Amino acid sequence: MNDFLTERNRKCQTGISKSLQKLPDYCLNFFLSIENYTSPLTRLNYSKDLEIFFDYLAKNIFHKDATNITFSDLESLKTRDIEMFLSYLTYYDYNGKTYHNGEKGKARKIASIKSFFKYNFKNDNIKYDVASKVDTPKIHCKEIIRLEVDEVAKLINEADSPDHMTKRQQAYNKHTRTRDVAILSLFLATGIRVSECVGINLDDVDFENNSFKVTRKGGNQVILYFSDEVKEALLNWIEDRTIWLKDSKESALFVSLQKKRITTRAVENLVKKYSKIASPLKKISPHKLRSTYGTNLYRETGDIYVVAEVLGHKDVNTTKRHYAAMSEDIRRSVANKVKLRD
């Protein structure tokens, strides 16, 4: 495991420990039970979800400190109590901040709660699994925002020749041009996630085979491949990187001007900066570049299983949901297949 992943996992574990301090002691057993088949990031999300759930119960139902909520208290809950919690999640205040959850956010939180209740019911800690009776919010498919072929070229061109930027942005771009072109090219030609991008080390790249190693969600490592065009962009950046870092021992492939591994937020910001110029009507993020690659790959291959494999989706249904809009292309392509008259 590289240093980036080790540090990320350490931060996740610290976050879990902080959440557990706000939860009843018995919650620790649940997290120990899922440790061998979930990633630290998944467990961190679970801990945050349970933290919010128990805070809601403490303030709105049991009127006592969340750490003092007992199994008997959980047994007394009704289906409506959890449904009210889901309603509460639409807009809620926590630790002085206001949060909003849509369908996806609510679905994830109820999944965490269902897992927690299922574990305690299975281990005879509670007599009733009330959470199992609560329906998961339906997630409606949204229109997939992606770049068209001309917009892809324009995006990379803006990073390579920033004629439409402010003078300040152009001055900054002089230092980061080759890095930004390499990052955008890698996103658009491989469909990697932003976390996978920032986690790549220099020694993860093999230029003889045009390949690189990434760690997927869940911790699995895979080898992905890139084109000669991307190879050229990466080599241009590595040449500048050598000058940037000189005697530095930083292992990251992509670094900031502070000579440290670039952050997820910094990558998101650079994608946003260039895409505002290349495609001002679309809100483009690294994940939208991933969607762009997935869509283009599907158009080229027509094979949803190939797209799922390359993008690292464990379930092809996930891929189908994300690229459901491609069915329009299919419907259009068959319009003239059936002849009414010879």
C-alpha atoms as a PDB file:
ATOM      1  CA  MET A   1       0.000   0.000   0.000  1.00  0.00           C
ATOM      2  CA  ASN A   2       1.436   3.401  -0.952  1.00  0.00           C
ATOM      3  CA  ASP A   3       1.932   6.291   1.429  1.00  0.00           C
ATOM      4  CA  PHE A   4      -1.137   8.160   0.214  1.00  0.00           C
ATOM      5  CA  LEU A   5      -3.488   5.268   0.965  1.00  0.00           C
ATOM      6  CA  THR A   6      -1.813   4.585   4.301  1.00  0.00           C
ATOM      7  CA  GLU A   7      -2.323   8.189   5.368  1.00  0.00           C
ATOM      8  CA  ARG A   8      -5.909   8.250   4.100  1.00  0.00           C
ATOM      9  CA  ASN A   9      -6.727   5.077   6.023  1.00  0.00           C
ATOM     10  CA  ARG A  10      -5.133   6.508   9.137  1.00  0.00           C
ATOM     11  CA  LYS A  11      -7.287   9.630   8.882  1.00  0.00           C
ATOM     12  CA  CYS A  12     -10.379   7.463   8.376  1.00  0.00           C
ATOM     13  CA  GLN A  13      -9.585   5.461  11.493  1.00  0.00           C
ATOM     14  CA  THR A  14      -9.124   8.666  13.468  1.00  0.00           C
ATOM     15  CA  GLY A  15     -12.501   9.887  12.235  1.00  0.00           C
ATOM     16  CA  ILE A  16     -14.176   6.602  13.216  1.00  0.00           C
ATOM     17  CA  SER A  17     -12.689   6.816  16.703  1.00  0.00           C
ATOM     18  CA  LYS A  18     -14.030  10.359  17.129  1.00  0.00           C
ATOM     19  CA  SER A  19     -17.511   9.274  16.047  1.00  0.00           C
ATOM     20  CA  LEU A  20     -17.463   6.296  18.413  1.00  0.00           C
ATOM     21  CA  GLN A  21     -16.895   8.673  21.314  1.00  0.00           C
ATOM     22  CA  LYS A  22     -20.335  10.124  20.570  1.00  0.00           C
ATOM     23  CA  LEU A  23     -22.041   6.730  20.277  1.00  0.00           C
ATOM     24  CA  PRO A  24     -23.043   4.045  22.798  1.00  0.00           C
ATOM     25  CA  ASP A  25     -20.206   1.661  23.699  1.00  0.00           C
ATOM     26  CA  TYR A  26     -21.898  -1.300  21.988  1.00  0.00           C
ATOM     27  CA  CYS A  27     -21.473   0.376  18.576  1.00  0.00           C
ATOM     28  CA  LEU A  28     -17.799  -0.609  18.617  1.00  0.00           C
ATOM     29  CA  ASN A  29     -18.740  -4.272  18.185  1.00  0.00           C
ATOM     30  CA  PHE A  30     -20.599  -3.466  14.981  1.00  0.00           C
ATOM     31  CA  PHE A  31     -17.531  -1.798  13.481  1.00  0.00           C
ATOM     32  CA  LEU A  32     -15.285  -4.661  14.511  1.00  0.00           C
ATOM     33  CA  SER A  33     -17.681  -7.077  12.779  1.00  0.00           C
ATOM     34  CA  ILE A  34     -17.456  -5.292   9.412  1.00  0.00           C
ATOM     35  CA  GLU A  35     -13.745  -4.505   9.500  1.00  0.00           C
ATOM     36  CA  ASN A  36     -12.653  -7.500   7.424  1.00  0.00           C
ATOM     37  CA  TYR A  37     -14.912  -6.822   4.443  1.00  0.00           C
ATOM     38  CA  THR A  38     -15.233  -3.037   4.272  1.00  0.00           C
ATOM     39  CA  SER A  39     -12.755  -0.286   3.531  1.00  0.00           C
ATOM     40  CA  PRO A  40     -11.776   2.333   6.141  1.00  0.00           C
ATOM     41  CA  LEU A  41     -13.580   4.967   4.064  1.00  0.00           C
ATOM     42  CA  THR A  42     -16.797   2.931   4.065  1.00  0.00           C
ATOM     43  CA  ARG A  43     -16.584   2.461   7.827  1.00  0.00           C
ATOM     44  CA  LEU A  44     -15.972   6.177   8.288  1.00  0.00           C
ATOM     45  CA  ASN A  45     -19.152   6.924   6.335  1.00  0.00           C
ATOM     46  CA  TYR A  46     -21.041   4.391   8.470  1.00  0.00           C
ATOM     47  CA  SER A  47     -19.764   6.034  11.643  1.00  0.00           C
ATOM     48  CA  LYS A  48     -20.848   9.496  10.496  1.00  0.00           C
ATOM     49  CA  ASP A  49     -24.276   8.184   9.507  1.00  0.00           C
ATOM     50  CA  LEU A  50     -24.781   6.501  12.890  1.00  0.00           C
ATOM     51  CA  GLU A  51     -23.508   9.581  14.677  1.00  0.00           C
ATOM     52  CA  ILE A  52     -26.211  11.690  13.018  1.00  0.00           C
ATOM     53  CA  PHE A  53     -28.858   9.019  13.635  1.00  0.00           C
ATOM     54  CA  PHE A  54     -28.117   8.682  17.346  1.00  0.00           C
ATOM     55  CA  ASP A  55     -27.934  12.455  17.726  1.00  0.00           C
ATOM     56  CA  TYR A  56     -31.430  12.661  16.223  1.00  0.00           C
ATOM     57  CA  LEU A  57     -32.734   9.941  18.546  1.00  0.00           C
ATOM     58  CA  ALA A  58     -31.178  11.620  21.573  1.00  0.00           C
ATOM     59  CA  LYS A  59     -32.663  15.041  20.842  1.00  0.00           C
ATOM     60  CA  ASN A  60     -36.035  14.157  19.342  1.00  0.00           C
ATOM     61  CA  ILE A  61     -37.146  10.849  20.869  1.00  0.00           C
ATOM     62  CA  PHE A  62     -35.282   9.758  23.994  1.00  0.00           C
ATOM     63  CA  HIS A  63     -34.181  13.181  25.308  1.00  0.00           C
ATOM     64  CA  LYS A  64     -30.926  11.984  26.784  1.00  0.00           C
ATOM     65  CA  ASP A  65     -27.285  11.822  25.799  1.00  0.00           C
ATOM     66  CA  ALA A  66     -26.699   9.703  22.681  1.00  0.00           C
ATOM     67  CA  THR A  67     -24.087   7.583  24.480  1.00  0.00           C
ATOM     68  CA  ASN A  68     -26.754   6.477  26.973  1.00  0.00           C
ATOM     69  CA  ILE A  69     -29.208   5.089  24.420  1.00  0.00           C
ATOM     70  CA  THR A  70     -29.746   1.403  25.213  1.00  0.00           C
ATOM     71  CA  PHE A  71     -30.762  -1.661  23.235  1.00  0.00           C
ATOM     72  CA  SER A  72     -34.157  -1.399  24.946  1.00  0.00           C
ATOM     73  CA  ASP A  73     -34.495   2.107  23.552  1.00  0.00           C
ATOM     74  CA  LEU A  74     -33.745   0.826  20.055  1.00  0.00           C
ATOM     75  CA  GLU A  75     -36.349  -1.932  20.491  1.00  0.00           C
ATOM     76  CA  SER A  76     -38.970   0.681  21.337  1.00  0.00           C
ATOM     77  CA  LEU A  77     -38.567   2.475  18.017  1.00  0.00           C
ATOM     78  CA  LYS A  78     -41.379   2.331  15.471  1.00  0.00           C
ATOM     79  CA  THR A  79     -41.128   2.369  11.714  1.00  0.00           C
ATOM     80  CA  ARG A  80     -42.484   5.903  11.731  1.00  0.00           C
ATOM     81  CA  ASP A  81     -39.579   7.049  13.934  1.00  0.00           C
ATOM     82  CA  ILE A  82     -37.055   6.077  11.276  1.00  0.00           C
ATOM     83  CA  GLU A  83     -39.232   7.496   8.501  1.00  0.00           C
ATOM     84  CA  MET A  84     -39.334  10.766  10.433  1.00  0.00           C
ATOM     85  CA  PHE A  85     -35.530  10.635  10.620  1.00  0.00           C
ATOM     86  CA  LEU A  86     -35.371  10.306   6.831  1.00  0.00           C
ATOM     87  CA  SER A  87     -37.626  13.343   6.505  1.00  0.00           C
ATOM     88  CA  TYR A  88     -35.432  15.215   8.984  1.00  0.00           C
ATOM     89  CA  LEU A  89     -32.386  14.542   6.784  1.00  0.00           C
ATOM     90  CA  THR A  90     -33.712  16.760   3.992  1.00  0.00           C
ATOM     91  CA  TYR A  91     -32.417  19.784   5.904  1.00  0.00           C
ATOM     92  CA  TYR A  92     -30.887  19.468   9.342  1.00  0.00           C
ATOM     93  CA  ASP A  93     -28.486  21.272  11.664  1.00  0.00           C
ATOM     94  CA  TYR A  94     -25.546  19.492  13.210  1.00  0.00           C
ATOM     95  CA  ASN A  95     -22.523  20.935  15.011  1.00  0.00           C
ATOM     96  CA  GLY A  96     -23.513  24.447  14.003  1.00  0.00           C
ATOM     97  CA  LYS A  97     -23.848  23.689  10.283  1.00  0.00           C
ATOM     98  CA  THR A  98     -26.866  23.098   8.054  1.00  0.00           C
ATOM     99  CA  TYR A  99     -26.809  20.037   5.821  1.00  0.00           C
ATOM    100  CA  HIS A 100     -28.990  18.846   2.952  1.00  0.00           C
ATOM    101  CA  ASN A 101     -29.608  15.296   1.747  1.00  0.00           C
ATOM    102  CA  GLY A 102     -31.251  14.253  -1.477  1.00  0.00           C
ATOM    103  CA  GLU A 103     -32.335  10.758  -2.491  1.00  0.00           C
ATOM    104  CA  LYS A 104     -28.789   9.425  -2.704  1.00  0.00           C
ATOM    105  CA  GLY A 105     -27.727  10.785   0.687  1.00  0.00           C
ATOM    106  CA  LYS A 106     -30.824   9.444   2.405  1.00  0.00           C
ATOM    107  CA  ALA A 107     -30.427   6.039   0.753  1.00  0.00           C
ATOM    108  CA  ARG A 108     -26.847   5.743   2.001  1.00  0.00           C
ATOM    109  CA  LYS A 109     -27.774   6.690   5.560  1.00  0.00           C
ATOM    110  CA  ILE A 110     -30.693   4.292   5.757  1.00  0.00           C
ATOM    111  CA  ALA A 111     -28.393   1.556   4.387  1.00  0.00           C
ATOM    112  CA  SER A 112     -25.986   2.218   7.263  1.00  0.00           C
ATOM    113  CA  ILE A 113     -28.816   2.071   9.794  1.00  0.00           C
ATOM    114  CA  LYS A 114     -30.228  -1.124   8.282  1.00  0.00           C
ATOM    115  CA  SER A 115     -26.803  -2.797   8.513  1.00  0.00           C
ATOM    116  CA  PHE A 116     -26.457  -1.710  12.141  1.00  0.00           C
ATOM    117  CA  PHE A 117     -29.900  -3.033  13.147  1.00  0.00           C
ATOM    118  CA  LYS A 118     -29.420  -6.248  11.172  1.00  0.00           C
ATOM    119  CA  TYR A 119     -26.147  -6.937  12.992  1.00  0.00           C
ATOM    120  CA  ASN A 120     -27.666  -6.368  16.429  1.00  0.00           C
ATOM    121  CA  PHE A 121     -30.766  -8.422  15.626  1.00  0.00           C
ATOM    122  CA  LYS A 122     -28.618 -11.268  14.320  1.00  0.00           C
ATOM    123  CA  ASN A 123     -26.546 -11.218  17.518  1.00  0.00           C
ATOM    124  CA  ASP A 124     -29.630 -11.183  19.766  1.00  0.00           C
ATOM    125  CA  ASN A 125     -28.938  -7.703  21.111  1.00  0.00           C
ATOM    126  CA  ILE A 126     -32.385  -6.530  20.041  1.00  0.00           C
ATOM    127  CA  LYS A 127     -35.599  -8.511  19.577  1.00  0.00           C
ATOM    128  CA  TYR A 128     -36.916  -6.501  16.643  1.00  0.00           C
ATOM    129  CA  ASP A 129     -35.276  -5.195  13.491  1.00  0.00           C
ATOM    130  CA  VAL A 130     -37.505  -2.204  12.873  1.00  0.00           C
ATOM    131  CA  ALA A 131     -35.141  -0.758  10.261  1.00  0.00           C
ATOM    132  CA  SER A 132     -35.802  -3.719   7.935  1.00  0.00           C
ATOM    133  CA  LYS A 133     -39.392  -2.508   7.550  1.00  0.00           C
ATOM    134  CA  VAL A 134     -38.350   0.913   6.244  1.00  0.00           C
ATOM    135  CA  ASP A 135     -38.205   1.295   2.467  1.00  0.00           C
ATOM    136  CA  THR A 136     -35.041   2.683   0.961  1.00  0.00           C
ATOM    137  CA  PRO A 137     -35.698   5.978  -0.875  1.00  0.00           C
ATOM    138  CA  LYS A 138     -35.927   5.488  -4.606  1.00  0.00           C
ATOM    139  CA  ILE A 139     -33.081   7.103  -6.479  1.00  0.00           C
ATOM    140  CA  HIS A 140     -34.288   8.606  -9.735  1.00  0.00           C
ATOM    141  CA  CYS A 141     -31.895   8.554 -12.647  1.00  0.00           C
ATOM    142  CA  LYS A 142     -30.515  11.959 -13.491  1.00  0.00           C
ATOM    143  CA  GLU A 143     -29.374  13.119 -16.877  1.00  0.00           C
ATOM    144  CA  ILE A 144     -25.722  12.245 -17.333  1.00  0.00           C
ATOM    145  CA  ILE A 145     -23.648  15.367 -17.833  1.00  0.00           C
ATOM    146  CA  ARG A 146     -20.680  14.692 -20.054  1.00  0.00           C
ATOM    147  CA  LEU A 147     -18.512  16.401 -22.619  1.00  0.00           C
ATOM    148  CA  GLU A 148     -18.945  15.940 -26.338  1.00  0.00           C
ATOM    149  CA  VAL A 149     -15.948  15.180 -28.558  1.00  0.00           C
ATOM    150  CA  ASP A 150     -15.332  18.825 -29.490  1.00  0.00           C
ATOM    151  CA  GLU A 151     -15.634  19.862 -25.834  1.00  0.00           C
ATOM    152  CA  VAL A 152     -13.034  17.288 -24.787  1.00  0.00           C
ATOM    153  CA  ALA A 153     -10.526  18.742 -27.237  1.00  0.00           C
ATOM    154  CA  LYS A 154     -11.392  22.269 -26.173  1.00  0.00           C
ATOM    155  CA  LEU A 155     -10.912  21.422 -22.483  1.00  0.00           C
ATOM    156  CA  ILE A 156      -7.398  20.084 -23.014  1.00  0.00           C
ATOM    157  CA  ASN A 157      -6.560  22.952 -25.365  1.00  0.00           C
ATOM    158  CA  GLU A 158      -7.578  25.475 -22.719  1.00  0.00           C
ATOM    159  CA  ALA A 159      -5.104  23.944 -20.286  1.00  0.00           C
ATOM    160  CA  ASP A 160      -2.414  23.776 -22.959  1.00  0.00           C
ATOM    161  CA  SER A 161      -2.998  27.263 -24.420  1.00  0.00           C
ATOM    162  CA  PRO A 162      -4.974  29.358 -21.914  1.00  0.00           C
ATOM    163  CA  ASP A 163      -5.769  32.279 -24.246  1.00  0.00           C
ATOM    164  CA  HIS A 164      -9.197  32.866 -22.694  1.00  0.00           C
ATOM    165  CA  MET A 165      -7.987  33.115 -19.104  1.00  0.00           C
ATOM    166  CA  THR A 166      -7.276  36.167 -17.013  1.00  0.00           C
ATOM    167  CA  LYS A 167      -3.673  37.381 -16.870  1.00  0.00           C
ATOM    168  CA  ARG A 168      -3.389  36.053 -13.344  1.00  0.00           C
ATOM    169  CA  GLN A 169      -4.643  32.641 -14.396  1.00  0.00           C
ATOM    170  CA  GLN A 170      -2.274  32.621 -17.375  1.00  0.00           C
ATOM    171  CA  ALA A 171       0.672  33.426 -15.110  1.00  0.00           C
ATOM    172  CA  TYR A 172      -0.273  30.512 -12.843  1.00  0.00           C
ATOM    173  CA  ASN A 173      -0.797  28.237 -15.828  1.00  0.00           C
ATOM    174  CA  LYS A 174       2.789  28.776 -16.967  1.00  0.00           C
ATOM    175  CA  HIS A 175       3.893  26.770 -13.948  1.00  0.00           C
ATOM    176  CA  THR A 176       1.175  24.106 -14.046  1.00  0.00           C
ATOM    177  CA  ARG A 177       0.433  23.680 -17.760  1.00  0.00           C
ATOM    178  CA  THR A 178       2.077  20.299 -18.348  1.00  0.00           C
ATOM    179  CA  ARG A 179       0.744  18.923 -15.057  1.00  0.00           C
ATOM    180  CA  ASP A 180      -2.814  20.045 -15.761  1.00  0.00           C
ATOM    181  CA  VAL A 181      -2.767  18.690 -19.330  1.00  0.00           C
ATOM    182  CA  ALA A 182      -1.488  15.354 -18.017  1.00  0.00           C
ATOM    183  CA  ILE A 183      -4.192  15.156 -15.348  1.00  0.00           C
ATOM    184  CA  LEU A 184      -7.012  16.027 -17.750  1.00  0.00           C
ATOM    185  CA  SER A 185      -5.672  13.618 -20.377  1.00  0.00           C
ATOM    186  CA  LEU A 186      -5.466  10.789 -17.859  1.00  0.00           C
ATOM    187  CA  PHE A 187      -9.036  11.389 -16.672  1.00  0.00           C
ATOM    188  CA  LEU A 188     -10.473  11.547 -20.168  1.00  0.00           C
ATOM    189  CA  ALA A 189      -8.521   8.574 -21.531  1.00  0.00           C
ATOM    190  CA  THR A 190      -8.870   6.125 -18.628  1.00  0.00           C
ATOM    191  CA  GLY A 191     -11.945   7.134 -16.584  1.00  0.00           C
ATOM    192  CA  ILE A 192     -10.146   6.946 -13.237  1.00  0.00           C
ATOM    193  CA  ARG A 193     -11.643   8.442 -10.077  1.00  0.00           C
ATOM    194  CA  VAL A 194     -10.175  11.596  -8.578  1.00  0.00           C
ATOM    195  CA  SER A 195      -9.024   9.666  -5.496  1.00  0.00           C
ATOM    196  CA  GLU A 196      -7.255   7.179  -7.766  1.00  0.00           C
ATOM    197  CA  CYS A 197      -5.587  10.017  -9.639  1.00  0.00           C
ATOM    198  CA  VAL A 198      -4.132  11.757  -6.589  1.00  0.00           C
ATOM    199  CA  GLY A 199      -3.027   8.390  -5.172  1.00  0.00           C
ATOM    200  CA  ILE A 200      -0.780   7.469  -8.116  1.00  0.00           C
ATOM    201  CA  ASN A 201       2.928   7.352  -7.326  1.00  0.00           C
ATOM    202  CA  LEU A 202       5.669   7.957  -9.861  1.00  0.00           C
ATOM    203  CA  ASP A 203       6.794   4.340  -9.661  1.00  0.00           C
ATOM    204  CA  ASP A 204       3.232   3.155 -10.384  1.00  0.00           C
ATOM    205  CA  VAL A 205       3.681   4.169 -14.035  1.00  0.00           C
ATOM    206  CA  ASP A 206       5.240   1.839 -16.618  1.00  0.00           C
ATOM    207  CA  PHE A 207       6.015   3.662 -19.844  1.00  0.00           C
ATOM    208  CA  GLU A 208       7.275   0.552 -21.620  1.00  0.00           C
ATOM    209  CA  ASN A 209       3.785  -0.939 -21.493  1.00  0.00           C
ATOM    210  CA  ASN A 210       1.835   2.340 -21.324  1.00  0.00           C
ATOM    211  CA  SER A 211       0.290   1.226 -18.055  1.00  0.00           C
ATOM    212  CA  PHE A 212      -0.159   2.363 -14.476  1.00  0.00           C
ATOM    213  CA  LYS A 213      -1.358   0.890 -11.208  1.00  0.00           C
ATOM    214  CA  VAL A 214      -4.299   2.278  -9.230  1.00  0.00           C
ATOM    215  CA  THR A 215      -6.006   1.225  -6.035  1.00  0.00           C
ATOM    216  CA  ARG A 216      -9.764   0.937  -6.510  1.00  0.00           C
ATOM    217  CA  LYS A 217     -12.502   1.511  -3.982  1.00  0.00           C
ATOM    218  CA  GLY A 218     -12.282  -1.327  -1.508  1.00  0.00           C
ATOM    219  CA  GLY A 219      -8.495  -1.572  -1.816  1.00  0.00           C
ATOM    220  CA  ASN A 220      -8.107  -3.758  -4.913  1.00  0.00           C
ATOM    221  CA  GLN A 221      -5.168  -2.854  -7.131  1.00  0.00           C
ATOM    222  CA  VAL A 222      -5.513  -3.025 -10.912  1.00  0.00           C
ATOM    223  CA  ILE A 223      -3.400  -2.200 -13.942  1.00  0.00           C
ATOM    224  CA  LEU A 224      -4.864   0.260 -16.436  1.00  0.00           C
ATOM    225  CA  TYR A 225      -3.503   1.276 -19.819  1.00  0.00           C
ATOM    226  CA  PHE A 226      -3.143   4.579 -21.631  1.00  0.00           C
ATOM    227  CA  SER A 227      -2.588   5.732 -25.196  1.00  0.00           C
ATOM    228  CA  ASP A 228       0.564   7.170 -26.745  1.00  0.00           C
ATOM    229  CA  GLU A 229      -1.104  10.584 -26.608  1.00  0.00           C
ATOM    230  CA  VAL A 230      -1.434  10.308 -22.845  1.00  0.00           C
ATOM    231  CA  LYS A 231       2.103   8.938 -22.610  1.00  0.00           C
ATOM    232  CA  GLU A 232       3.403  12.093 -24.267  1.00  0.00           C
ATOM    233  CA  ALA A 233       1.434  14.300 -21.860  1.00  0.00           C
ATOM    234  CA  LEU A 234       2.736  12.357 -18.844  1.00  0.00           C
ATOM    235  CA  LEU A 235       6.352  12.483 -20.027  1.00  0.00           C
ATOM    236  CA  ASN A 236       6.110  16.242 -20.596  1.00  0.00           C
ATOM    237  CA  TRP A 237       4.843  16.648 -17.044  1.00  0.00           C
ATOM    238  CA  ILE A 238       7.468  14.337 -15.524  1.00  0.00           C
ATOM    239  CA  GLU A 239      10.182  16.394 -17.200  1.00  0.00           C
ATOM    240  CA  ASP A 240       8.846  19.516 -15.462  1.00  0.00           C
ATOM    241  CA  ARG A 241       8.219  17.580 -12.253  1.00  0.00           C
ATOM    242  CA  THR A 242      11.925  16.732 -12.070  1.00  0.00           C
ATOM    243  CA  ILE A 243      12.744  20.432 -12.193  1.00  0.00           C
ATOM    244  CA  TRP A 244      10.033  21.263  -9.629  1.00  0.00           C
ATOM    245  CA  LEU A 245      11.149  18.743  -7.065  1.00  0.00           C
ATOM    246  CA  LYS A 246      14.913  18.465  -7.667  1.00  0.00           C
ATOM    247  CA  ASP A 247      16.174  16.619  -4.590  1.00  0.00           C
ATOM    248  CA  SER A 248      12.722  16.039  -3.063  1.00  0.00           C
ATOM    249  CA  LYS A 249      11.756  12.493  -2.075  1.00  0.00           C
ATOM    250  CA  GLU A 250       8.036  13.081  -2.772  1.00  0.00           C
ATOM    251  CA  SER A 251       6.642   9.898  -4.323  1.00  0.00           C
ATOM    252  CA  ALA A 252       3.420  11.295  -5.799  1.00  0.00           C
ATOM    253  CA  LEU A 253       3.070  11.491  -9.575  1.00  0.00           C
ATOM    254  CA  PHE A 254       1.088  14.723  -9.393  1.00  0.00           C
ATOM    255  CA  VAL A 255       2.230  17.428  -6.997  1.00  0.00           C
ATOM    256  CA  SER A 256       1.224  20.966  -6.059  1.00  0.00           C
ATOM    257  CA  LEU A 257       3.357  24.102  -6.277  1.00  0.00           C
ATOM    258  CA  GLN A 258       4.117  23.441  -2.617  1.00  0.00           C
ATOM    259  CA  LYS A 259       5.950  20.307  -3.809  1.00  0.00           C
ATOM    260  CA  LYS A 260       3.547  17.989  -2.028  1.00  0.00           C
ATOM    261  CA  ARG A 261       1.051  15.425  -3.324  1.00  0.00           C
ATOM    262  CA  ILE A 262      -1.793  17.291  -5.005  1.00  0.00           C
ATOM    263  CA  THR A 263      -5.076  17.164  -3.101  1.00  0.00           C
ATOM    264  CA  THR A 264      -8.464  16.006  -4.292  1.00  0.00           C
ATOM    265  CA  ARG A 265      -9.822  19.537  -3.836  1.00  0.00           C
ATOM    266  CA  ALA A 266      -7.028  21.014  -5.980  1.00  0.00           C
ATOM    267  CA  VAL A 267      -7.782  18.580  -8.814  1.00  0.00           C
ATOM    268  CA  GLU A 268     -11.496  19.367  -8.583  1.00  0.00           C
ATOM    269  CA  ASN A 269     -10.712  23.083  -8.768  1.00  0.00           C
ATOM    270  CA  LEU A 270      -8.469  22.801 -11.820  1.00  0.00           C
ATOM    271  CA  VAL A 271     -11.092  20.742 -13.678  1.00  0.00           C
ATOM    272  CA  LYS A 272     -13.709  23.341 -12.781  1.00  0.00           C
ATOM    273  CA  LYS A 273     -11.445  26.210 -13.885  1.00  0.00           C
ATOM    274  CA  TYR A 274     -10.779  24.886 -17.369  1.00  0.00           C
ATOM    275  CA  SER A 275     -14.255  23.452 -17.960  1.00  0.00           C
ATOM    276  CA  LYS A 276     -15.877  26.825 -17.202  1.00  0.00           C
ATOM    277  CA  ILE A 277     -14.139  28.128 -20.302  1.00  0.00           C
ATOM    278  CA  ALA A 278     -14.462  25.039 -22.477  1.00  0.00           C
ATOM    279  CA  SER A 279     -18.106  24.289 -21.623  1.00  0.00           C
ATOM    280  CA  PRO A 280     -19.635  27.153 -19.586  1.00  0.00           C
ATOM    281  CA  LEU A 281     -23.171  25.723 -19.494  1.00  0.00           C
ATOM    282  CA  LYS A 282     -22.109  22.414 -17.944  1.00  0.00           C
ATOM    283  CA  LYS A 283     -20.942  21.891 -14.383  1.00  0.00           C
ATOM    284  CA  ILE A 284     -17.993  19.603 -14.972  1.00  0.00           C
ATOM    285  CA  SER A 285     -16.207  17.716 -12.197  1.00  0.00           C
ATOM    286  CA  PRO A 286     -13.643  14.896 -12.305  1.00  0.00           C
ATOM    287  CA  HIS A 287     -16.542  12.449 -12.043  1.00  0.00           C
ATOM    288  CA  LYS A 288     -18.140  14.033 -15.129  1.00  0.00           C
ATOM    289  CA  LEU A 289     -14.872  13.404 -16.993  1.00  0.00           C
ATOM    290  CA  ARG A 290     -15.189   9.786 -15.844  1.00  0.00           C
ATOM    291  CA  SER A 291     -18.722   9.740 -17.271  1.00  0.00           C
ATOM    292  CA  THR A 292     -17.399  11.218 -20.499  1.00  0.00           C
ATOM    293  CA  TYR A 293     -14.869   8.411 -20.834  1.00  0.00           C
ATOM    294  CA  GLY A 294     -17.429   5.746 -19.942  1.00  0.00           C
ATOM    295  CA  THR A 295     -19.862   7.079 -22.523  1.00  0.00           C
ATOM    296  CA  ASN A 296     -17.235   7.257 -25.260  1.00  0.00           C
ATOM    297  CA  LEU A 297     -16.011   3.757 -24.435  1.00  0.00           C
ATOM    298  CA  TYR A 298     -19.569   2.411 -24.618  1.00  0.00           C
ATOM    299  CA  ARG A 299     -20.121   4.114 -27.956  1.00  0.00           C
ATOM    300  CA  GLU A 300     -16.944   2.568 -29.331  1.00  0.00           C
ATOM    301  CA  THR A 301     -17.455  -0.955 -27.992  1.00  0.00           C
ATOM    302  CA  GLY A 302     -21.211  -1.285 -27.472  1.00  0.00           C
ATOM    303  CA  ASP A 303     -20.314  -3.617 -24.596  1.00  0.00           C
ATOM    304  CA  ILE A 304     -21.541  -2.553 -21.156  1.00  0.00           C
ATOM    305  CA  TYR A 305     -19.463  -5.302 -19.517  1.00  0.00           C
ATOM    306  CA  VAL A 306     -16.249  -3.865 -20.956  1.00  0.00           C
ATOM    307  CA  VAL A 307     -17.202  -0.437 -19.582  1.00  0.00           C
ATOM    308  CA  ALA A 308     -17.961  -1.928 -16.153  1.00  0.00           C
ATOM    309  CA  GLU A 309     -14.618  -3.751 -16.065  1.00  0.00           C
ATOM    310  CA  VAL A 310     -12.535  -0.741 -17.054  1.00  0.00           C
ATOM    311  CA  LEU A 311     -14.349   1.654 -14.717  1.00  0.00           C
ATOM    312  CA  GLY A 312     -14.067  -0.781 -11.819  1.00  0.00           C
ATOM    313  CA  HIS A 313     -17.788  -1.292 -11.199  1.00  0.00           C
ATOM    314  CA  LYS A 314     -18.339  -4.492  -9.229  1.00  0.00           C
ATOM    315  CA  ASP A 315     -21.952  -4.683 -10.401  1.00  0.00           C
ATOM    316  CA  VAL A 316     -22.742  -4.125 -14.071  1.00  0.00           C
ATOM    317  CA  ASN A 317     -26.131  -2.734 -13.005  1.00  0.00           C
ATOM    318  CA  THR A 318     -24.262   0.236 -11.584  1.00  0.00           C
ATOM    319  CA  THR A 319     -22.811   0.836 -15.030  1.00  0.00           C
ATOM    320  CA  LYS A 320     -26.219   0.449 -16.655  1.00  0.00           C
ATOM    321  CA  ARG A 321     -27.718   3.042 -14.326  1.00  0.00           C
ATOM    322  CA  HIS A 322     -24.935   5.510 -15.016  1.00  0.00           C
ATOM    323  CA  TYR A 323     -25.095   5.082 -18.748  1.00  0.00           C
ATOM    324  CA  ALA A 324     -28.817   4.568 -19.170  1.00  0.00           C
ATOM    325  CA  ALA A 325     -28.891   7.643 -21.398  1.00  0.00           C
ATOM    326  CA  MET A 326     -26.975   5.678 -23.997  1.00  0.00           C
ATOM    327  CA  SER A 327     -30.188   3.777 -24.736  1.00  0.00           C
ATOM    328  CA  GLU A 328     -31.219   6.803 -26.797  1.00  0.00           C
ATOM    329  CA  ASP A 329     -28.284   6.147 -29.128  1.00  0.00           C
ATOM    330  CA  ILE A 330     -29.369   2.521 -29.411  1.00  0.00           C
ATOM    331  CA  ARG A 331     -32.965   3.472 -30.198  1.00  0.00           C
ATOM    332  CA  ARG A 332     -31.773   5.900 -32.840  1.00  0.00           C
ATOM    333  CA  SER A 333     -29.426   3.336 -34.400  1.00  0.00           C
ATOM    334  CA  VAL A 334     -32.207   0.762 -34.960  1.00  0.00           C
ATOM    335  CA  ALA A 335     -34.717   3.237 -36.406  1.00  0.00           C
ATOM    336  CA  ASN A 336     -34.052   2.121 -39.982  1.00  0.00           C
ATOM    337  CA  LYS A 337     -33.340  -1.557 -39.305  1.00  0.00           C
ATOM    338  CA  VAL A 338     -36.902  -2.781 -39.820  1.00  0.00           C
ATOM    339  CA  LYS A 339     -38.195  -2.261 -43.383  1.00  0.00           C
ATOM    340  CA  LEU A 340     -41.906  -1.910 -44.115  1.00  0.00           C
ATOM    341  CA  ARG A 341     -41.527  -2.369 -47.870  1.00  0.00           C
ATOM    342  CA  ASP A 342     -38.801  -3.956 -49.906  1.00  0.00           C
END
